[in-house]
Amino acid sequence: MPEDLVLRTARNLSHEVGLTAVSPGTGAMLRLLAAAGSARAVVEIGTGIGVSGLWLLRGMRPEGVLTTIDVESEHQRIARRIFTEAGIPSGRTRIITGRALDVLPRLADGAYDLVFVDADATEFAVCVEAALRLLRQGGVLAVHGALADGRVVDPSARDVRTLTIRETLKALRESDDWVPALLPLGAGLLTAVKC
């Protein structure tokens, strides 16, 4: 699905501030996941400039609310503008500035249909643990960057980021709480449904 002017603008702004936005393919999958689950309540960890948020909002139900968390208030200010330019009513977004690890414990248990993680890979395990609590049964977890730029499959790659991603993938694969799949879209999209 081609990106419209607002998404292209958000992508360009992301690049200008040094952020890597989700690929169009990953965005389309996020939209599909939100639509397939008739998502009304979504948590996004890592607002960025709003590229992934737009894809999620476009897949969610018309009354759905996106709760998006980021430490960078300036990025969120731009994302808010992008959402407005896309015609998203302000009541459909709850933009929270802060560290995800501080904010997530304040969110309600079992109240969310989808959790999207686009955070530092070293926080993946904590975010997945939080997602298990936040998601309703049948809710979906999506984690961006799960292929670690191809290093996940390279046994010689032993950096902290790659090891953390491998451990997260293994934990999800071996858990009775999740039905996972790793999709080779963009930087890799780890998806899982909560049992």
C-alpha atoms as a PDB file:
ATOM      1  CA  MET A   1       0.000   0.000   0.000  1.00  0.00           C
ATOM      2  CA  PRO A   2       1.571   3.329  -1.002  1.00  0.00           C
ATOM      3  CA  GLU A   3       2.044   5.957   1.677  1.00  0.00           C
ATOM      4  CA  ASP A   4       0.104   9.194   1.416  1.00  0.00           C
ATOM      5  CA  LEU A   5       1.570  12.687   1.741  1.00  0.00           C
ATOM      6  CA  VAL A   6       1.180  12.823   5.538  1.00  0.00           C
ATOM      7  CA  LEU A   7       3.010   9.510   6.036  1.00  0.00           C
ATOM      8  CA  ARG A   8       5.772  10.528   3.608  1.00  0.00           C
ATOM      9  CA  THR A   9       6.143  13.835   5.456  1.00  0.00           C
ATOM     10  CA  ALA A  10       6.359  12.026   8.805  1.00  0.00           C
ATOM     11  CA  ARG A  11       8.929   9.593   7.365  1.00  0.00           C
ATOM     12  CA  ASN A  12      11.058  12.497   6.050  1.00  0.00           C
ATOM     13  CA  LEU A  13      10.849  14.311   9.387  1.00  0.00           C
ATOM     14  CA  SER A  14      11.885  11.105  11.172  1.00  0.00           C
ATOM     15  CA  HIS A  15      14.944  10.874   8.950  1.00  0.00           C
ATOM     16  CA  GLU A  16      15.777  14.549   9.582  1.00  0.00           C
ATOM     17  CA  VAL A  17      15.844  14.046  13.365  1.00  0.00           C
ATOM     18  CA  GLY A  18      17.854  10.815  13.086  1.00  0.00           C
ATOM     19  CA  LEU A  19      15.092   8.282  13.739  1.00  0.00           C
ATOM     20  CA  THR A  20      14.410   5.155  11.724  1.00  0.00           C
ATOM     21  CA  ALA A  21      10.681   4.894  11.096  1.00  0.00           C
ATOM     22  CA  VAL A  22       8.970   1.574  10.423  1.00  0.00           C
ATOM     23  CA  SER A  23       9.080   0.531   6.766  1.00  0.00           C
ATOM     24  CA  PRO A  24       5.915   0.860   4.675  1.00  0.00           C
ATOM     25  CA  GLY A  25       5.569  -2.940   4.762  1.00  0.00           C
ATOM     26  CA  THR A  26       5.829  -2.997   8.542  1.00  0.00           C
ATOM     27  CA  GLY A  27       3.360  -0.121   8.748  1.00  0.00           C
ATOM     28  CA  ALA A  28       0.878  -1.980   6.555  1.00  0.00           C
ATOM     29  CA  MET A  29       1.214  -5.041   8.822  1.00  0.00           C
ATOM     30  CA  LEU A  30       0.595  -2.900  11.929  1.00  0.00           C
ATOM     31  CA  ARG A  31      -2.527  -1.516  10.273  1.00  0.00           C
ATOM     32  CA  LEU A  32      -3.645  -5.048   9.409  1.00  0.00           C
ATOM     33  CA  LEU A  33      -3.027  -6.327  12.952  1.00  0.00           C
ATOM     34  CA  ALA A  34      -5.019  -3.432  14.426  1.00  0.00           C
ATOM     35  CA  ALA A  35      -7.854  -3.970  11.943  1.00  0.00           C
ATOM     36  CA  ALA A  36      -7.920  -7.770  12.331  1.00  0.00           C
ATOM     37  CA  GLY A  37      -8.299  -7.417  16.084  1.00  0.00           C
ATOM     38  CA  SER A  38     -10.838  -4.567  15.817  1.00  0.00           C
ATOM     39  CA  ALA A  39      -8.464  -2.691  18.120  1.00  0.00           C
ATOM     40  CA  ARG A  40     -10.012  -0.041  20.345  1.00  0.00           C
ATOM     41  CA  ALA A  41      -7.109   0.383  22.772  1.00  0.00           C
ATOM     42  CA  VAL A  42      -3.483   0.265  21.631  1.00  0.00           C
ATOM     43  CA  VAL A  43      -0.223   1.023  23.433  1.00  0.00           C
ATOM     44  CA  GLU A  44       2.761   2.195  21.406  1.00  0.00           C
ATOM     45  CA  ILE A  45       6.155   2.251  23.112  1.00  0.00           C
ATOM     46  CA  GLY A  46       8.214   4.723  21.103  1.00  0.00           C
ATOM     47  CA  THR A  47       6.188   7.527  19.496  1.00  0.00           C
ATOM     48  CA  GLY A  48       8.962   8.826  17.277  1.00  0.00           C
ATOM     49  CA  ILE A  49       7.499  11.302  14.790  1.00  0.00           C
ATOM     50  CA  GLY A  50       4.248   9.359  14.464  1.00  0.00           C
ATOM     51  CA  VAL A  51       4.770   7.083  11.441  1.00  0.00           C
ATOM     52  CA  SER A  52       3.840   3.845  13.199  1.00  0.00           C
ATOM     53  CA  GLY A  53       1.139   5.638  15.180  1.00  0.00           C
ATOM     54  CA  LEU A  54      -0.563   6.726  11.958  1.00  0.00           C
ATOM     55  CA  TRP A  55      -0.506   3.178  10.596  1.00  0.00           C
ATOM     56  CA  LEU A  56      -1.965   1.853  13.867  1.00  0.00           C
ATOM     57  CA  LEU A  57      -4.670   4.529  14.059  1.00  0.00           C
ATOM     58  CA  ARG A  58      -5.721   3.826  10.474  1.00  0.00           C
ATOM     59  CA  GLY A  59      -6.277   0.168  11.348  1.00  0.00           C
ATOM     60  CA  MET A  60      -8.042   0.764  14.651  1.00  0.00           C
ATOM     61  CA  ARG A  61     -11.777   1.176  15.127  1.00  0.00           C
ATOM     62  CA  PRO A  62     -12.972   4.769  14.573  1.00  0.00           C
ATOM     63  CA  GLU A  63     -13.451   5.302  18.315  1.00  0.00           C
ATOM     64  CA  GLY A  64     -10.141   3.635  19.214  1.00  0.00           C
ATOM     65  CA  VAL A  65      -7.518   5.381  21.323  1.00  0.00           C
ATOM     66  CA  LEU A  66      -3.761   5.107  20.818  1.00  0.00           C
ATOM     67  CA  THR A  67      -1.690   5.544  23.985  1.00  0.00           C
ATOM     68  CA  THR A  68       1.812   6.407  22.814  1.00  0.00           C
ATOM     69  CA  ILE A  69       4.843   6.770  25.085  1.00  0.00           C
ATOM     70  CA  ASP A  70       8.217   8.381  24.407  1.00  0.00           C
ATOM     71  CA  VAL A  71      10.923  10.187  26.356  1.00  0.00           C
ATOM     72  CA  GLU A  72      11.394  12.838  23.655  1.00  0.00           C
ATOM     73  CA  SER A  73       8.747  15.546  24.088  1.00  0.00           C
ATOM     74  CA  GLU A  74       9.944  17.386  20.966  1.00  0.00           C
ATOM     75  CA  HIS A  75       9.369  14.292  18.831  1.00  0.00           C
ATOM     76  CA  GLN A  76       5.929  13.921  20.370  1.00  0.00           C
ATOM     77  CA  ARG A  77       5.130  17.559  19.601  1.00  0.00           C
ATOM     78  CA  ILE A  78       5.852  16.852  15.935  1.00  0.00           C
ATOM     79  CA  ALA A  79       3.863  13.597  16.085  1.00  0.00           C
ATOM     80  CA  ARG A  80       0.865  15.479  17.498  1.00  0.00           C
ATOM     81  CA  ARG A  81       1.064  17.868  14.528  1.00  0.00           C
ATOM     82  CA  ILE A  82       1.325  14.916  12.109  1.00  0.00           C
ATOM     83  CA  PHE A  83      -1.750  13.270  13.661  1.00  0.00           C
ATOM     84  CA  THR A  84      -3.682  16.556  13.306  1.00  0.00           C
ATOM     85  CA  GLU A  85      -2.617  16.917   9.659  1.00  0.00           C
ATOM     86  CA  ALA A  86      -3.840  13.364   9.053  1.00  0.00           C
ATOM     87  CA  GLY A  87      -7.279  14.324  10.383  1.00  0.00           C
ATOM     88  CA  ILE A  88      -7.001  12.270  13.585  1.00  0.00           C
ATOM     89  CA  PRO A  89      -9.184  13.837  16.321  1.00  0.00           C
ATOM     90  CA  SER A  90      -7.140  14.752  19.406  1.00  0.00           C
ATOM     91  CA  GLY A  91      -9.315  12.489  21.569  1.00  0.00           C
ATOM     92  CA  ARG A  92      -8.014   9.428  19.702  1.00  0.00           C
ATOM     93  CA  THR A  93      -4.462   9.861  20.995  1.00  0.00           C
ATOM     94  CA  ARG A  94      -3.087   9.864  24.502  1.00  0.00           C
ATOM     95  CA  ILE A  95       0.503  11.058  24.236  1.00  0.00           C
ATOM     96  CA  ILE A  96       2.567  10.418  27.365  1.00  0.00           C
ATOM     97  CA  THR A  97       6.069  11.804  27.773  1.00  0.00           C
ATOM     98  CA  GLY A  98       8.275   9.593  29.933  1.00  0.00           C
ATOM     99  CA  ARG A  99      10.292   6.399  30.098  1.00  0.00           C
ATOM    100  CA  ALA A 100       8.182   3.405  29.130  1.00  0.00           C
ATOM    101  CA  LEU A 101       9.482   1.497  32.149  1.00  0.00           C
ATOM    102  CA  ASP A 102       8.036   4.220  34.395  1.00  0.00           C
ATOM    103  CA  VAL A 103       4.745   4.659  32.489  1.00  0.00           C
ATOM    104  CA  LEU A 104       3.777   1.046  31.709  1.00  0.00           C
ATOM    105  CA  PRO A 105       3.153   0.031  35.361  1.00  0.00           C
ATOM    106  CA  ARG A 106       0.485   2.782  35.544  1.00  0.00           C
ATOM    107  CA  LEU A 107      -1.550   1.340  32.636  1.00  0.00           C
ATOM    108  CA  ALA A 108      -4.511  -0.973  33.297  1.00  0.00           C
ATOM    109  CA  ASP A 109      -4.193  -4.768  33.267  1.00  0.00           C
ATOM    110  CA  GLY A 110      -5.887  -6.615  30.395  1.00  0.00           C
ATOM    111  CA  ALA A 111      -7.249  -3.386  28.895  1.00  0.00           C
ATOM    112  CA  TYR A 112      -5.435  -3.329  25.546  1.00  0.00           C
ATOM    113  CA  ASP A 113      -5.947  -5.041  22.207  1.00  0.00           C
ATOM    114  CA  LEU A 114      -2.463  -4.437  20.808  1.00  0.00           C
ATOM    115  CA  VAL A 115       0.932  -3.395  22.175  1.00  0.00           C
ATOM    116  CA  PHE A 116       3.544  -2.167  19.706  1.00  0.00           C
ATOM    117  CA  VAL A 117       7.142  -1.961  20.918  1.00  0.00           C
ATOM    118  CA  ASP A 118       9.556   0.277  19.023  1.00  0.00           C
ATOM    119  CA  ALA A 119      12.004   0.845  21.846  1.00  0.00           C
ATOM    120  CA  ASP A 120      15.656   0.226  22.593  1.00  0.00           C
ATOM    121  CA  ALA A 121      16.298  -3.492  22.152  1.00  0.00           C
ATOM    122  CA  THR A 122      17.789  -3.739  25.636  1.00  0.00           C
ATOM    123  CA  GLU A 123      14.272  -3.007  26.980  1.00  0.00           C
ATOM    124  CA  PHE A 124      12.490  -5.645  24.848  1.00  0.00           C
ATOM    125  CA  ALA A 125      12.229  -8.234  27.617  1.00  0.00           C
ATOM    126  CA  VAL A 126      10.716  -5.758  30.090  1.00  0.00           C
ATOM    127  CA  CYS A 127       8.305  -4.442  27.443  1.00  0.00           C
ATOM    128  CA  VAL A 128       7.193  -7.982  26.536  1.00  0.00           C
ATOM    129  CA  GLU A 129       6.622  -8.737  30.215  1.00  0.00           C
ATOM    130  CA  ALA A 130       4.538  -5.576  30.542  1.00  0.00           C
ATOM    131  CA  ALA A 131       2.592  -6.448  27.367  1.00  0.00           C
ATOM    132  CA  LEU A 132       1.595  -9.799  28.859  1.00  0.00           C
ATOM    133  CA  ARG A 133      -0.061  -7.922  31.725  1.00  0.00           C
ATOM    134  CA  LEU A 134      -1.568  -5.138  29.589  1.00  0.00           C
ATOM    135  CA  LEU A 135      -3.089  -7.245  26.803  1.00  0.00           C
ATOM    136  CA  ARG A 136      -6.456  -8.931  26.934  1.00  0.00           C
ATOM    137  CA  GLN A 137      -6.586 -12.618  26.017  1.00  0.00           C
ATOM    138  CA  GLY A 138      -6.224 -12.765  22.214  1.00  0.00           C
ATOM    139  CA  GLY A 139      -4.450  -9.399  22.191  1.00  0.00           C
ATOM    140  CA  VAL A 140      -1.457  -8.900  19.922  1.00  0.00           C
ATOM    141  CA  LEU A 141       2.132  -7.942  20.672  1.00  0.00           C
ATOM    142  CA  ALA A 142       4.296  -6.524  17.868  1.00  0.00           C
ATOM    143  CA  VAL A 143       8.008  -5.758  18.363  1.00  0.00           C
ATOM    144  CA  HIS A 144       9.903  -3.719  15.764  1.00  0.00           C
ATOM    145  CA  GLY A 145      13.572  -4.434  15.021  1.00  0.00           C
ATOM    146  CA  ALA A 146      13.486  -8.132  15.909  1.00  0.00           C
ATOM    147  CA  LEU A 147      16.052  -9.125  13.273  1.00  0.00           C
ATOM    148  CA  ALA A 148      18.715  -6.768  14.682  1.00  0.00           C
ATOM    149  CA  ASP A 149      19.867  -5.763  11.193  1.00  0.00           C
ATOM    150  CA  GLY A 150      20.459  -9.441  10.363  1.00  0.00           C
ATOM    151  CA  ARG A 151      22.651 -10.082  13.418  1.00  0.00           C
ATOM    152  CA  VAL A 152      20.095 -12.331  15.158  1.00  0.00           C
ATOM    153  CA  VAL A 153      20.939 -15.195  12.787  1.00  0.00           C
ATOM    154  CA  ASP A 154      24.713 -14.537  12.945  1.00  0.00           C
ATOM    155  CA  PRO A 155      26.147 -16.724  15.756  1.00  0.00           C
ATOM    156  CA  SER A 156      29.251 -14.518  15.977  1.00  0.00           C
ATOM    157  CA  ALA A 157      27.145 -11.443  16.882  1.00  0.00           C
ATOM    158  CA  ARG A 158      27.437 -11.212  20.664  1.00  0.00           C
ATOM    159  CA  ASP A 159      26.629  -7.547  21.386  1.00  0.00           C
ATOM    160  CA  VAL A 160      24.133  -6.763  24.153  1.00  0.00           C
ATOM    161  CA  ARG A 161      21.404  -5.635  21.725  1.00  0.00           C
ATOM    162  CA  THR A 162      21.557  -8.825  19.651  1.00  0.00           C
ATOM    163  CA  LEU A 163      21.773 -11.109  22.693  1.00  0.00           C
ATOM    164  CA  THR A 164      18.756  -9.394  24.262  1.00  0.00           C
ATOM    165  CA  ILE A 165      16.712  -9.812  21.095  1.00  0.00           C
ATOM    166  CA  ARG A 166      17.701 -13.499  20.838  1.00  0.00           C
ATOM    167  CA  GLU A 167      16.717 -14.070  24.465  1.00  0.00           C
ATOM    168  CA  THR A 168      13.375 -12.329  23.918  1.00  0.00           C
ATOM    169  CA  LEU A 169      12.653 -14.412  20.805  1.00  0.00           C
ATOM    170  CA  LYS A 170      13.569 -17.624  22.652  1.00  0.00           C
ATOM    171  CA  ALA A 171      11.448 -16.729  25.689  1.00  0.00           C
ATOM    172  CA  LEU A 172       8.386 -16.035  23.520  1.00  0.00           C
ATOM    173  CA  ARG A 173       8.903 -19.205  21.493  1.00  0.00           C
ATOM    174  CA  GLU A 174       9.132 -21.325  24.653  1.00  0.00           C
ATOM    175  CA  SER A 175       6.333 -19.599  26.573  1.00  0.00           C
ATOM    176  CA  ASP A 176       2.866 -21.093  26.986  1.00  0.00           C
ATOM    177  CA  ASP A 177       1.516 -17.517  27.205  1.00  0.00           C
ATOM    178  CA  TRP A 178       2.154 -16.610  23.552  1.00  0.00           C
ATOM    179  CA  VAL A 179       1.675 -17.832  19.982  1.00  0.00           C
ATOM    180  CA  PRO A 180       4.596 -16.049  18.240  1.00  0.00           C
ATOM    181  CA  ALA A 181       5.762 -15.479  14.664  1.00  0.00           C
ATOM    182  CA  LEU A 182       8.773 -13.542  13.376  1.00  0.00           C
ATOM    183  CA  LEU A 183       7.927 -11.670  10.174  1.00  0.00           C
ATOM    184  CA  PRO A 184      10.795 -10.608   7.858  1.00  0.00           C
ATOM    185  CA  LEU A 185       9.353  -7.139   7.238  1.00  0.00           C
ATOM    186  CA  GLY A 186      11.634  -4.104   7.390  1.00  0.00           C
ATOM    187  CA  ALA A 187      13.885  -4.513  10.428  1.00  0.00           C
ATOM    188  CA  GLY A 188      11.922  -7.593  11.490  1.00  0.00           C
ATOM    189  CA  LEU A 189       8.553  -7.650  13.198  1.00  0.00           C
ATOM    190  CA  LEU A 190       8.089 -10.087  16.051  1.00  0.00           C
ATOM    191  CA  THR A 191       4.378 -10.732  16.505  1.00  0.00           C
ATOM    192  CA  ALA A 192       2.630 -12.788  19.164  1.00  0.00           C
ATOM    193  CA  VAL A 193      -0.912 -13.418  20.301  1.00  0.00           C
ATOM    194  CA  LYS A 194      -1.573 -13.711  24.029  1.00  0.00           C
ATOM    195  CA  CYS A 195      -3.125 -17.081  24.879  1.00  0.00           C
END
